Amino acid sequence: MSRRAESTRTTRETDISIRLEIDGTGSTEVTTGIPFFDHMLDQLGRHGGFDLAVTARGDLEIDAHHTVEDTGILLGRAFAEALGDKAGVRRFASVTVPLDEAAVQAVVDLSGRPFLHYEVDTPGQKILGDPPFDPQLCEEFWRAFVTSAGVTLHLVSQRGVNTHHLIEASFKAVARALRDAVRVEGSGVPSTKGTL
């Protein structure tokens, strides 16, 4: 059984399409108009082992917020659809990923209950690019993702001073935790309730 989904979402602020294959090879094609965000979504696909294609057009002349948040909403929706009833998945996973001086831990539960604990403190400066990327948007992205995906995610920086390193380590950590959590190792739904 193939675990894949395609989804589109059009609003007055954004027009986004996503194609996701959970059991992929880490192949990515990402174009959002925000180079640093493209780089982070690429890390998510590659380190998650997902095939991920994202095309987003948003009102970047106003701000990157709508594009980043709406991409999180749609990616979460595609993730939930691709997982289906979650039969046989490992469900829980935790990993800490370093990037030079930074280390970030991601703890995941494919619980069906959306929750985000976000504790990745960055120095606050925007990451240079055209347009520049505001690191505060990462929390908005993950909140949108977990809400649509029905995932519990705790994301905590253990140490680090470089904003780029902290954010990249966080995306890689979530990718690796999701890769482990979605691994099929049985046949039943891993819950006493019989559903997730």
N, C-alpha and C. Protein backbone atom coordinates (compact mmCIF):
# COMPACT_ATOMS: atom_id res chain seq x y z
N MET A 1 0.84 -1.18 0.00
CA MET A 1 0.00 0.00 0.00
C MET A 1 0.88 1.24 0.00
N SER A 2 0.59 2.14 -0.89
CA SER A 2 1.36 3.37 -1.00
C SER A 2 0.79 4.43 -0.07
N ARG A 3 1.67 5.07 0.68
CA ARG A 3 1.23 6.13 1.59
C ARG A 3 1.60 7.47 0.95
N ARG A 4 0.66 8.00 0.18
CA ARG A 4 0.91 9.24 -0.53
C ARG A 4 -0.34 10.10 -0.54
N ALA A 5 -0.16 11.38 -0.78
CA ALA A 5 -1.28 12.31 -0.87
C ALA A 5 -0.88 13.50 -1.72
N GLU A 6 -1.89 14.08 -2.35
CA GLU A 6 -1.73 15.34 -3.07
C GLU A 6 -2.82 16.28 -2.57
N SER A 7 -2.45 17.53 -2.38
CA SER A 7 -3.41 18.48 -1.84
C SER A 7 -3.14 19.87 -2.39
N THR A 8 -4.20 20.64 -2.55
CA THR A 8 -4.06 22.03 -2.98
C THR A 8 -4.90 22.92 -2.07
N ARG A 9 -4.50 24.17 -1.99
CA ARG A 9 -5.24 25.13 -1.16
C ARG A 9 -5.05 26.51 -1.77
N THR A 10 -6.16 27.17 -2.06
CA THR A 10 -6.11 28.51 -2.63
C THR A 10 -6.94 29.45 -1.77
N THR A 11 -6.32 30.55 -1.37
CA THR A 11 -7.02 31.60 -0.64
C THR A 11 -6.71 32.92 -1.33
N ARG A 12 -7.17 34.01 -0.77
CA ARG A 12 -6.84 35.33 -1.33
C ARG A 12 -5.38 35.69 -1.09
N GLU A 13 -4.73 34.94 -0.20
CA GLU A 13 -3.34 35.25 0.16
C GLU A 13 -2.33 34.28 -0.44
N THR A 14 -2.73 33.03 -0.65
CA THR A 14 -1.79 32.02 -1.13
C THR A 14 -2.44 31.04 -2.09
N ASP A 15 -1.60 30.41 -2.90
CA ASP A 15 -2.02 29.33 -3.79
C ASP A 15 -0.93 28.26 -3.68
N ILE A 16 -1.26 27.12 -3.07
CA ILE A 16 -0.25 26.12 -2.72
C ILE A 16 -0.68 24.74 -3.19
N SER A 17 0.26 23.97 -3.69
CA SER A 17 0.02 22.57 -3.99
C SER A 17 1.17 21.74 -3.42
N ILE A 18 0.79 20.57 -2.89
CA ILE A 18 1.78 19.69 -2.26
C ILE A 18 1.53 18.26 -2.71
N ARG A 19 2.63 17.58 -2.98
CA ARG A 19 2.60 16.15 -3.26
C ARG A 19 3.56 15.48 -2.28
N LEU A 20 3.08 14.47 -1.57
CA LEU A 20 3.88 13.84 -0.52
C LEU A 20 3.79 12.33 -0.63
N GLU A 21 4.94 11.69 -0.58
CA GLU A 21 5.00 10.22 -0.49
C GLU A 21 5.81 9.89 0.76
N ILE A 22 5.14 9.30 1.75
CA ILE A 22 5.79 8.99 3.02
C ILE A 22 6.96 8.04 2.82
N ASP A 23 6.75 6.99 2.04
CA ASP A 23 7.78 5.97 1.84
C ASP A 23 8.56 6.27 0.56
N GLY A 24 9.21 7.41 0.57
CA GLY A 24 9.94 7.85 -0.62
C GLY A 24 11.43 7.63 -0.48
N THR A 25 12.17 8.45 -1.22
CA THR A 25 13.62 8.35 -1.24
C THR A 25 14.29 9.64 -0.77
N GLY A 26 13.49 10.61 -0.34
CA GLY A 26 14.03 11.89 0.07
C GLY A 26 14.19 12.86 -1.08
N SER A 27 13.49 12.60 -2.16
CA SER A 27 13.54 13.48 -3.32
C SER A 27 12.61 14.69 -3.09
N THR A 28 13.13 15.89 -3.34
CA THR A 28 12.32 17.09 -3.09
C THR A 28 12.37 18.05 -4.27
N GLU A 29 11.25 18.75 -4.44
CA GLU A 29 11.15 19.87 -5.39
C GLU A 29 10.33 20.94 -4.67
N VAL A 30 10.99 22.01 -4.25
CA VAL A 30 10.31 23.01 -3.42
C VAL A 30 10.52 24.40 -3.99
N THR A 31 9.43 25.11 -4.21
CA THR A 31 9.48 26.50 -4.66
C THR A 31 8.39 27.28 -3.95
N THR A 32 8.80 28.12 -3.00
CA THR A 32 7.82 28.94 -2.26
C THR A 32 8.04 30.43 -2.46
N GLY A 33 9.14 30.81 -3.11
CA GLY A 33 9.47 32.22 -3.22
C GLY A 33 10.26 32.74 -2.03
N ILE A 34 10.53 31.84 -1.06
CA ILE A 34 11.30 32.20 0.14
C ILE A 34 12.48 31.23 0.20
N PRO A 35 13.65 31.62 -0.27
CA PRO A 35 14.77 30.68 -0.40
C PRO A 35 15.12 29.91 0.87
N PHE A 36 15.18 30.58 2.02
CA PHE A 36 15.54 29.85 3.24
C PHE A 36 14.47 28.83 3.62
N PHE A 37 13.21 29.18 3.45
CA PHE A 37 12.11 28.25 3.73
C PHE A 37 12.17 27.06 2.77
N ASP A 38 12.49 27.31 1.50
CA ASP A 38 12.69 26.21 0.55
C ASP A 38 13.76 25.25 1.07
N HIS A 39 14.84 25.83 1.57
CA HIS A 39 15.95 25.02 2.10
C HIS A 39 15.49 24.16 3.28
N MET A 40 14.65 24.73 4.16
CA MET A 40 14.18 23.98 5.32
C MET A 40 13.21 22.86 4.90
N LEU A 41 12.32 23.13 3.96
CA LEU A 41 11.42 22.09 3.48
C LEU A 41 12.18 20.98 2.76
N ASP A 42 13.25 21.36 2.08
CA ASP A 42 14.12 20.38 1.46
C ASP A 42 14.74 19.47 2.52
N GLN A 43 15.18 20.04 3.63
CA GLN A 43 15.75 19.25 4.72
C GLN A 43 14.69 18.30 5.30
N LEU A 44 13.47 18.81 5.43
CA LEU A 44 12.38 17.99 5.97
C LEU A 44 12.14 16.76 5.10
N GLY A 45 12.08 16.97 3.79
CA GLY A 45 11.86 15.84 2.88
C GLY A 45 13.04 14.88 2.85
N ARG A 46 14.23 15.42 2.70
CA ARG A 46 15.42 14.58 2.57
C ARG A 46 15.67 13.75 3.82
N HIS A 47 15.64 14.40 4.99
CA HIS A 47 15.95 13.68 6.22
C HIS A 47 14.77 12.85 6.72
N GLY A 48 13.57 13.18 6.26
CA GLY A 48 12.41 12.36 6.59
C GLY A 48 12.28 11.15 5.69
N GLY A 49 13.03 11.15 4.58
CA GLY A 49 12.91 10.06 3.61
C GLY A 49 11.63 10.16 2.80
N PHE A 50 11.04 11.36 2.79
CA PHE A 50 9.78 11.59 2.07
C PHE A 50 10.08 12.13 0.68
N ASP A 51 9.28 11.76 -0.30
CA ASP A 51 9.29 12.48 -1.57
C ASP A 51 8.32 13.64 -1.38
N LEU A 52 8.81 14.85 -1.58
CA LEU A 52 8.02 16.03 -1.27
C LEU A 52 8.15 17.06 -2.38
N ALA A 53 7.01 17.45 -2.92
CA ALA A 53 6.97 18.52 -3.92
C ALA A 53 6.04 19.61 -3.39
N VAL A 54 6.56 20.82 -3.32
CA VAL A 54 5.78 21.96 -2.81
C VAL A 54 5.92 23.12 -3.79
N THR A 55 4.79 23.64 -4.23
CA THR A 55 4.77 24.86 -5.03
C THR A 55 3.84 25.84 -4.33
N ALA A 56 4.38 26.99 -3.98
CA ALA A 56 3.57 27.98 -3.26
C ALA A 56 3.79 29.36 -3.86
N ARG A 57 2.68 30.06 -4.05
CA ARG A 57 2.72 31.47 -4.43
C ARG A 57 1.91 32.22 -3.37
N GLY A 58 2.55 33.22 -2.78
CA GLY A 58 1.86 33.97 -1.73
C GLY A 58 2.11 35.46 -1.85
N ASP A 59 1.47 36.20 -0.97
CA ASP A 59 1.57 37.66 -0.98
C ASP A 59 2.84 38.12 -0.27
N LEU A 60 3.99 37.75 -0.84
CA LEU A 60 5.28 38.05 -0.23
C LEU A 60 5.56 39.55 -0.19
N GLU A 61 4.83 40.32 -1.00
CA GLU A 61 5.02 41.77 -0.95
C GLU A 61 4.51 42.33 0.38
N ILE A 62 3.66 41.57 1.06
CA ILE A 62 3.17 41.98 2.37
C ILE A 62 4.07 41.39 3.46
N ASP A 63 4.25 40.06 3.39
CA ASP A 63 5.00 39.35 4.43
C ASP A 63 5.08 37.89 4.02
N ALA A 64 6.01 37.15 4.60
CA ALA A 64 6.12 35.72 4.32
C ALA A 64 5.20 34.88 5.21
N HIS A 65 4.57 35.52 6.19
CA HIS A 65 3.78 34.80 7.18
C HIS A 65 2.71 33.90 6.54
N HIS A 66 1.91 34.45 5.63
CA HIS A 66 0.81 33.68 5.04
C HIS A 66 1.33 32.46 4.28
N THR A 67 2.40 32.63 3.54
CA THR A 67 2.95 31.53 2.75
C THR A 67 3.47 30.42 3.66
N VAL A 68 4.21 30.79 4.71
CA VAL A 68 4.79 29.80 5.61
C VAL A 68 3.69 29.07 6.38
N GLU A 69 2.75 29.81 6.95
CA GLU A 69 1.68 29.19 7.73
C GLU A 69 0.78 28.30 6.86
N ASP A 70 0.39 28.81 5.70
CA ASP A 70 -0.50 28.03 4.83
C ASP A 70 0.18 26.79 4.28
N THR A 71 1.49 26.85 4.07
CA THR A 71 2.22 25.65 3.66
C THR A 71 2.19 24.62 4.79
N GLY A 72 2.32 25.07 6.02
CA GLY A 72 2.22 24.16 7.17
C GLY A 72 0.86 23.50 7.26
N ILE A 73 -0.20 24.29 7.03
CA ILE A 73 -1.56 23.75 7.05
C ILE A 73 -1.71 22.65 6.01
N LEU A 74 -1.29 22.94 4.79
CA LEU A 74 -1.49 21.99 3.70
C LEU A 74 -0.58 20.77 3.84
N LEU A 75 0.65 20.97 4.29
CA LEU A 75 1.55 19.83 4.49
C LEU A 75 1.02 18.91 5.58
N GLY A 76 0.48 19.49 6.65
CA GLY A 76 -0.12 18.67 7.70
C GLY A 76 -1.30 17.87 7.19
N ARG A 77 -2.13 18.51 6.37
CA ARG A 77 -3.29 17.83 5.78
C ARG A 77 -2.83 16.66 4.90
N ALA A 78 -1.82 16.89 4.07
CA ALA A 78 -1.31 15.83 3.19
C ALA A 78 -0.69 14.70 4.01
N PHE A 79 0.02 15.05 5.08
CA PHE A 79 0.65 14.06 5.94
C PHE A 79 -0.40 13.15 6.57
N ALA A 80 -1.47 13.74 7.11
CA ALA A 80 -2.55 12.97 7.73
C ALA A 80 -3.22 12.06 6.71
N GLU A 81 -3.47 12.58 5.52
CA GLU A 81 -4.12 11.78 4.48
C GLU A 81 -3.23 10.62 4.04
N ALA A 82 -1.94 10.88 3.89
CA ALA A 82 -1.01 9.83 3.46
C ALA A 82 -0.89 8.72 4.51
N LEU A 83 -0.95 9.07 5.79
CA LEU A 83 -0.84 8.07 6.85
C LEU A 83 -2.09 7.22 6.99
N GLY A 84 -3.22 7.74 6.58
CA GLY A 84 -4.46 6.97 6.67
C GLY A 84 -4.80 6.62 8.11
N ASP A 85 -5.15 5.35 8.35
CA ASP A 85 -5.56 4.95 9.71
C ASP A 85 -4.37 4.66 10.63
N LYS A 86 -3.15 4.79 10.11
CA LYS A 86 -1.90 4.63 10.88
C LYS A 86 -1.68 3.20 11.36
N ALA A 87 -2.34 2.24 10.76
CA ALA A 87 -2.17 0.84 11.16
C ALA A 87 -0.71 0.44 11.03
N GLY A 88 -0.17 -0.11 12.12
CA GLY A 88 1.17 -0.66 12.12
C GLY A 88 2.29 0.33 12.37
N VAL A 89 1.99 1.64 12.43
CA VAL A 89 3.08 2.61 12.60
C VAL A 89 3.69 2.50 13.99
N ARG A 90 4.91 2.91 14.07
CA ARG A 90 5.61 2.90 15.35
C ARG A 90 5.00 3.91 16.32
N ARG A 91 4.52 5.01 15.83
CA ARG A 91 3.78 6.06 16.53
C ARG A 91 4.65 7.05 17.27
N PHE A 92 5.50 6.62 18.19
CA PHE A 92 6.32 7.53 19.00
C PHE A 92 7.75 7.58 18.46
N ALA A 93 8.37 8.74 18.58
CA ALA A 93 9.79 8.84 18.22
C ALA A 93 10.38 10.08 18.86
N SER A 94 11.67 10.01 19.10
CA SER A 94 12.40 11.13 19.67
C SER A 94 13.81 11.12 19.11
N VAL A 95 14.32 12.28 18.76
CA VAL A 95 15.69 12.37 18.25
C VAL A 95 16.25 13.75 18.55
N THR A 96 17.54 13.80 18.79
CA THR A 96 18.25 15.07 18.94
C THR A 96 19.23 15.19 17.79
N VAL A 97 19.19 16.33 17.12
CA VAL A 97 20.06 16.56 15.97
C VAL A 97 20.97 17.75 16.26
N PRO A 98 22.27 17.56 16.07
CA PRO A 98 23.19 18.69 16.21
C PRO A 98 23.48 19.33 14.86
N LEU A 99 23.81 20.60 14.89
CA LEU A 99 24.38 21.29 13.74
C LEU A 99 25.40 22.27 14.31
N ASP A 100 26.65 21.86 14.26
CA ASP A 100 27.74 22.62 14.88
C ASP A 100 27.44 22.86 16.36
N GLU A 101 27.31 24.12 16.78
CA GLU A 101 27.11 24.41 18.21
C GLU A 101 25.67 24.20 18.67
N ALA A 102 24.76 24.02 17.74
CA ALA A 102 23.34 23.89 18.06
C ALA A 102 22.94 22.42 18.19
N ALA A 103 22.02 22.15 19.09
CA ALA A 103 21.43 20.82 19.22
C ALA A 103 19.96 21.00 19.56
N VAL A 104 19.08 20.34 18.80
CA VAL A 104 17.63 20.48 18.98
C VAL A 104 17.00 19.10 19.05
N GLN A 105 16.10 18.93 20.02
CA GLN A 105 15.39 17.67 20.20
C GLN A 105 13.96 17.78 19.70
N ALA A 106 13.52 16.76 18.97
CA ALA A 106 12.12 16.65 18.54
C ALA A 106 11.55 15.37 19.12
N VAL A 107 10.38 15.49 19.74
CA VAL A 107 9.65 14.36 20.29
C VAL A 107 8.28 14.35 19.63
N VAL A 108 7.92 13.20 19.02
CA VAL A 108 6.73 13.11 18.19
C VAL A 108 5.83 11.99 18.67
N ASP A 109 4.52 12.25 18.60
CA ASP A 109 3.50 11.22 18.81
C ASP A 109 2.44 11.41 17.73
N LEU A 110 2.22 10.38 16.93
CA LEU A 110 1.19 10.43 15.89
C LEU A 110 -0.17 10.15 16.53
N SER A 111 -0.51 10.91 17.52
CA SER A 111 -1.61 10.65 18.45
C SER A 111 -3.00 10.92 17.89
N GLY A 112 -3.08 11.76 16.87
CA GLY A 112 -4.39 12.24 16.43
C GLY A 112 -4.82 13.47 17.22
N ARG A 113 -4.02 13.84 18.22
CA ARG A 113 -4.30 15.02 19.04
C ARG A 113 -3.24 16.08 18.76
N PRO A 114 -3.62 17.17 18.13
CA PRO A 114 -2.63 18.20 17.81
C PRO A 114 -2.18 18.96 19.04
N PHE A 115 -0.85 19.02 19.20
CA PHE A 115 -0.28 19.81 20.29
C PHE A 115 1.13 20.18 19.90
N LEU A 116 1.51 21.41 20.18
CA LEU A 116 2.87 21.88 19.93
C LEU A 116 3.44 22.51 21.18
N HIS A 117 4.60 22.00 21.60
CA HIS A 117 5.42 22.70 22.59
C HIS A 117 6.66 23.15 21.84
N TYR A 118 6.84 24.45 21.73
CA TYR A 118 7.93 25.00 20.93
C TYR A 118 8.85 25.81 21.81
N GLU A 119 10.06 25.35 21.95
CA GLU A 119 11.04 26.01 22.81
C GLU A 119 12.37 26.11 22.06
N VAL A 120 12.33 26.79 20.93
CA VAL A 120 13.54 27.02 20.15
C VAL A 120 13.76 28.53 20.13
N ASP A 121 14.61 28.97 21.03
CA ASP A 121 14.87 30.40 21.15
C ASP A 121 16.00 30.79 20.21
N THR A 122 15.73 31.77 19.37
CA THR A 122 16.74 32.25 18.44
C THR A 122 17.09 33.69 18.80
N PRO A 123 18.28 34.14 18.41
CA PRO A 123 18.69 35.50 18.76
C PRO A 123 17.76 36.59 18.22
N GLY A 124 16.94 36.25 17.21
CA GLY A 124 15.95 37.22 16.76
C GLY A 124 16.21 37.86 15.43
N GLN A 125 17.44 37.84 14.98
CA GLN A 125 17.71 38.49 13.70
C GLN A 125 17.13 37.68 12.54
N LYS A 126 16.72 38.39 11.50
CA LYS A 126 16.23 37.70 10.31
C LYS A 126 17.40 37.06 9.58
N ILE A 127 17.10 35.99 8.87
CA ILE A 127 18.11 35.32 8.07
C ILE A 127 18.12 35.99 6.71
N LEU A 128 19.29 36.41 6.29
CA LEU A 128 19.40 37.16 5.04
C LEU A 128 18.97 36.33 3.85
N GLY A 129 18.43 36.97 2.88
CA GLY A 129 17.93 36.33 1.67
C GLY A 129 16.99 37.32 1.00
N ASP A 130 16.40 36.92 -0.09
CA ASP A 130 15.47 37.80 -0.79
C ASP A 130 14.18 37.03 -1.06
N PRO A 131 13.17 37.19 -0.20
CA PRO A 131 13.14 38.08 0.97
C PRO A 131 13.85 37.45 2.17
N PRO A 132 14.21 38.27 3.17
CA PRO A 132 14.77 37.72 4.41
C PRO A 132 13.73 36.83 5.10
N PHE A 133 14.21 35.92 5.94
CA PHE A 133 13.32 34.99 6.64
C PHE A 133 13.29 35.32 8.12
N ASP A 134 12.10 35.49 8.65
CA ASP A 134 11.91 35.78 10.07
C ASP A 134 11.83 34.46 10.83
N PRO A 135 12.77 34.17 11.75
CA PRO A 135 12.77 32.89 12.45
C PRO A 135 11.51 32.63 13.28
N GLN A 136 10.78 33.68 13.65
CA GLN A 136 9.54 33.48 14.40
C GLN A 136 8.50 32.72 13.59
N LEU A 137 8.63 32.72 12.27
CA LEU A 137 7.66 32.02 11.43
C LEU A 137 7.75 30.50 11.58
N CYS A 138 8.86 30.01 12.08
CA CYS A 138 9.00 28.56 12.25
C CYS A 138 7.96 28.01 13.23
N GLU A 139 7.76 28.72 14.32
CA GLU A 139 6.75 28.27 15.28
C GLU A 139 5.37 28.26 14.64
N GLU A 140 5.06 29.25 13.82
CA GLU A 140 3.77 29.29 13.12
C GLU A 140 3.64 28.13 12.15
N PHE A 141 4.73 27.79 11.46
CA PHE A 141 4.72 26.67 10.53
C PHE A 141 4.42 25.36 11.27
N TRP A 142 5.15 25.12 12.36
CA TRP A 142 4.96 23.85 13.08
C TRP A 142 3.58 23.77 13.74
N ARG A 143 3.07 24.90 14.24
CA ARG A 143 1.73 24.89 14.82
C ARG A 143 0.68 24.54 13.76
N ALA A 144 0.81 25.14 12.59
CA ALA A 144 -0.11 24.84 11.49
C ALA A 144 0.00 23.37 11.08
N PHE A 145 1.22 22.87 11.00
CA PHE A 145 1.45 21.48 10.60
C PHE A 145 0.82 20.51 11.59
N VAL A 146 1.11 20.66 12.89
CA VAL A 146 0.60 19.69 13.87
C VAL A 146 -0.92 19.76 13.98
N THR A 147 -1.48 20.95 13.82
CA THR A 147 -2.93 21.09 13.90
C THR A 147 -3.61 20.33 12.76
N SER A 148 -3.09 20.47 11.55
CA SER A 148 -3.69 19.79 10.40
C SER A 148 -3.35 18.30 10.37
N ALA A 149 -2.17 17.94 10.86
CA ALA A 149 -1.74 16.54 10.82
C ALA A 149 -2.28 15.72 11.98
N GLY A 150 -2.69 16.38 13.06
CA GLY A 150 -3.11 15.64 14.25
C GLY A 150 -1.93 14.98 14.94
N VAL A 151 -0.85 15.75 15.09
CA VAL A 151 0.40 15.23 15.64
C VAL A 151 0.75 16.01 16.90
N THR A 152 1.31 15.34 17.88
CA THR A 152 1.89 16.00 19.04
C THR A 152 3.38 16.16 18.78
N LEU A 153 3.88 17.39 18.95
CA LEU A 153 5.29 17.67 18.69
C LEU A 153 5.85 18.55 19.79
N HIS A 154 6.92 18.08 20.40
CA HIS A 154 7.71 18.89 21.34
C HIS A 154 9.03 19.17 20.65
N LEU A 155 9.36 20.44 20.50
CA LEU A 155 10.58 20.85 19.82
C LEU A 155 11.35 21.77 20.76
N VAL A 156 12.52 21.29 21.22
CA VAL A 156 13.25 22.01 22.26
C VAL A 156 14.72 22.13 21.88
N SER A 157 15.23 23.37 21.89
CA SER A 157 16.66 23.54 21.65
C SER A 157 17.40 23.29 22.96
N GLN A 158 18.43 22.49 22.87
CA GLN A 158 19.24 22.19 24.05
C GLN A 158 20.37 23.19 24.22
N ARG A 159 20.85 23.69 23.05
CA ARG A 159 21.88 24.72 23.07
C ARG A 159 22.03 25.27 21.67
N GLY A 160 22.70 26.41 21.53
CA GLY A 160 22.95 26.99 20.22
C GLY A 160 22.85 28.49 20.25
N VAL A 161 23.59 29.14 19.35
CA VAL A 161 23.57 30.60 19.27
C VAL A 161 23.32 31.09 17.85
N ASN A 162 23.59 30.27 16.86
CA ASN A 162 23.42 30.69 15.47
C ASN A 162 22.00 30.38 15.00
N THR A 163 21.27 31.40 14.58
CA THR A 163 19.87 31.23 14.20
C THR A 163 19.69 30.20 13.10
N HIS A 164 20.50 30.28 12.07
CA HIS A 164 20.41 29.33 10.96
C HIS A 164 20.61 27.90 11.47
N HIS A 165 21.61 27.69 12.31
CA HIS A 165 21.89 26.36 12.83
C HIS A 165 20.73 25.83 13.68
N LEU A 166 20.18 26.68 14.52
CA LEU A 166 19.07 26.25 15.38
C LEU A 166 17.85 25.85 14.56
N ILE A 167 17.50 26.66 13.57
CA ILE A 167 16.32 26.35 12.77
C ILE A 167 16.56 25.11 11.92
N GLU A 168 17.72 25.02 11.29
CA GLU A 168 17.98 23.85 10.45
C GLU A 168 18.03 22.57 11.28
N ALA A 169 18.64 22.63 12.46
CA ALA A 169 18.66 21.46 13.34
C ALA A 169 17.25 21.06 13.74
N SER A 170 16.37 22.04 13.93
CA SER A 170 14.99 21.72 14.33
C SER A 170 14.24 21.02 13.19
N PHE A 171 14.40 21.49 11.95
CA PHE A 171 13.74 20.85 10.83
C PHE A 171 14.28 19.43 10.61
N LYS A 172 15.58 19.27 10.75
CA LYS A 172 16.17 17.94 10.60
C LYS A 172 15.71 17.01 11.72
N ALA A 173 15.61 17.54 12.93
CA ALA A 173 15.17 16.72 14.06
C ALA A 173 13.73 16.24 13.86
N VAL A 174 12.84 17.14 13.44
CA VAL A 174 11.46 16.73 13.18
C VAL A 174 11.42 15.71 12.06
N ALA A 175 12.20 15.94 11.01
CA ALA A 175 12.23 15.00 9.89
C ALA A 175 12.63 13.60 10.35
N ARG A 176 13.69 13.52 11.13
CA ARG A 176 14.18 12.22 11.59
C ARG A 176 13.20 11.56 12.57
N ALA A 177 12.57 12.37 13.42
CA ALA A 177 11.58 11.80 14.35
C ALA A 177 10.37 11.29 13.58
N LEU A 178 9.88 12.05 12.60
CA LEU A 178 8.74 11.58 11.81
C LEU A 178 9.09 10.32 11.02
N ARG A 179 10.30 10.29 10.48
CA ARG A 179 10.75 9.11 9.72
C ARG A 179 10.67 7.86 10.58
N ASP A 180 11.06 8.00 11.85
CA ASP A 180 11.02 6.86 12.78
C ASP A 180 9.59 6.54 13.19
N ALA A 181 8.78 7.58 13.46
CA ALA A 181 7.41 7.37 13.96
C ALA A 181 6.50 6.72 12.92
N VAL A 182 6.71 7.02 11.64
CA VAL A 182 5.83 6.48 10.60
C VAL A 182 6.24 5.08 10.15
N ARG A 183 7.37 4.60 10.64
CA ARG A 183 7.85 3.27 10.25
C ARG A 183 6.82 2.20 10.61
N VAL A 184 6.52 1.35 9.68
CA VAL A 184 5.56 0.28 9.91
C VAL A 184 6.29 -0.90 10.53
N GLU A 185 5.83 -1.31 11.72
CA GLU A 185 6.46 -2.44 12.40
C GLU A 185 5.44 -3.43 12.94
N GLY A 186 4.19 -3.27 12.54
CA GLY A 186 3.14 -4.19 12.97
C GLY A 186 1.97 -4.09 12.02
N SER A 187 0.81 -4.52 12.51
CA SER A 187 -0.38 -4.44 11.64
C SER A 187 -1.54 -3.70 12.30
N GLY A 188 -1.57 -3.68 13.61
CA GLY A 188 -2.67 -3.01 14.30
C GLY A 188 -2.38 -1.55 14.56
N VAL A 189 -3.42 -0.82 14.93
CA VAL A 189 -3.27 0.58 15.31
C VAL A 189 -2.69 0.63 16.73
N PRO A 190 -1.57 1.34 16.94
CA PRO A 190 -0.89 1.34 18.23
C PRO A 190 -1.58 2.22 19.27
N SER A 191 -2.79 1.79 19.67
CA SER A 191 -3.53 2.54 20.69
C SER A 191 -4.53 1.60 21.34
N THR A 192 -4.71 1.71 22.64
CA THR A 192 -5.73 0.89 23.32
C THR A 192 -7.13 1.26 22.88
N LYS A 193 -7.29 2.46 22.32
CA LYS A 193 -8.62 2.88 21.83
C LYS A 193 -8.96 2.21 20.49
N GLY A 194 -7.92 1.71 19.80
CA GLY A 194 -8.15 1.08 18.50
C GLY A 194 -8.15 2.07 17.35
N THR A 195 -7.90 3.34 17.66
CA THR A 195 -7.84 4.35 16.61
C THR A 195 -6.92 5.47 17.06
N LEU A 196 -6.32 6.14 16.10
CA LEU A 196 -5.48 7.30 16.38
C LEU A 196 -6.04 8.48 15.59
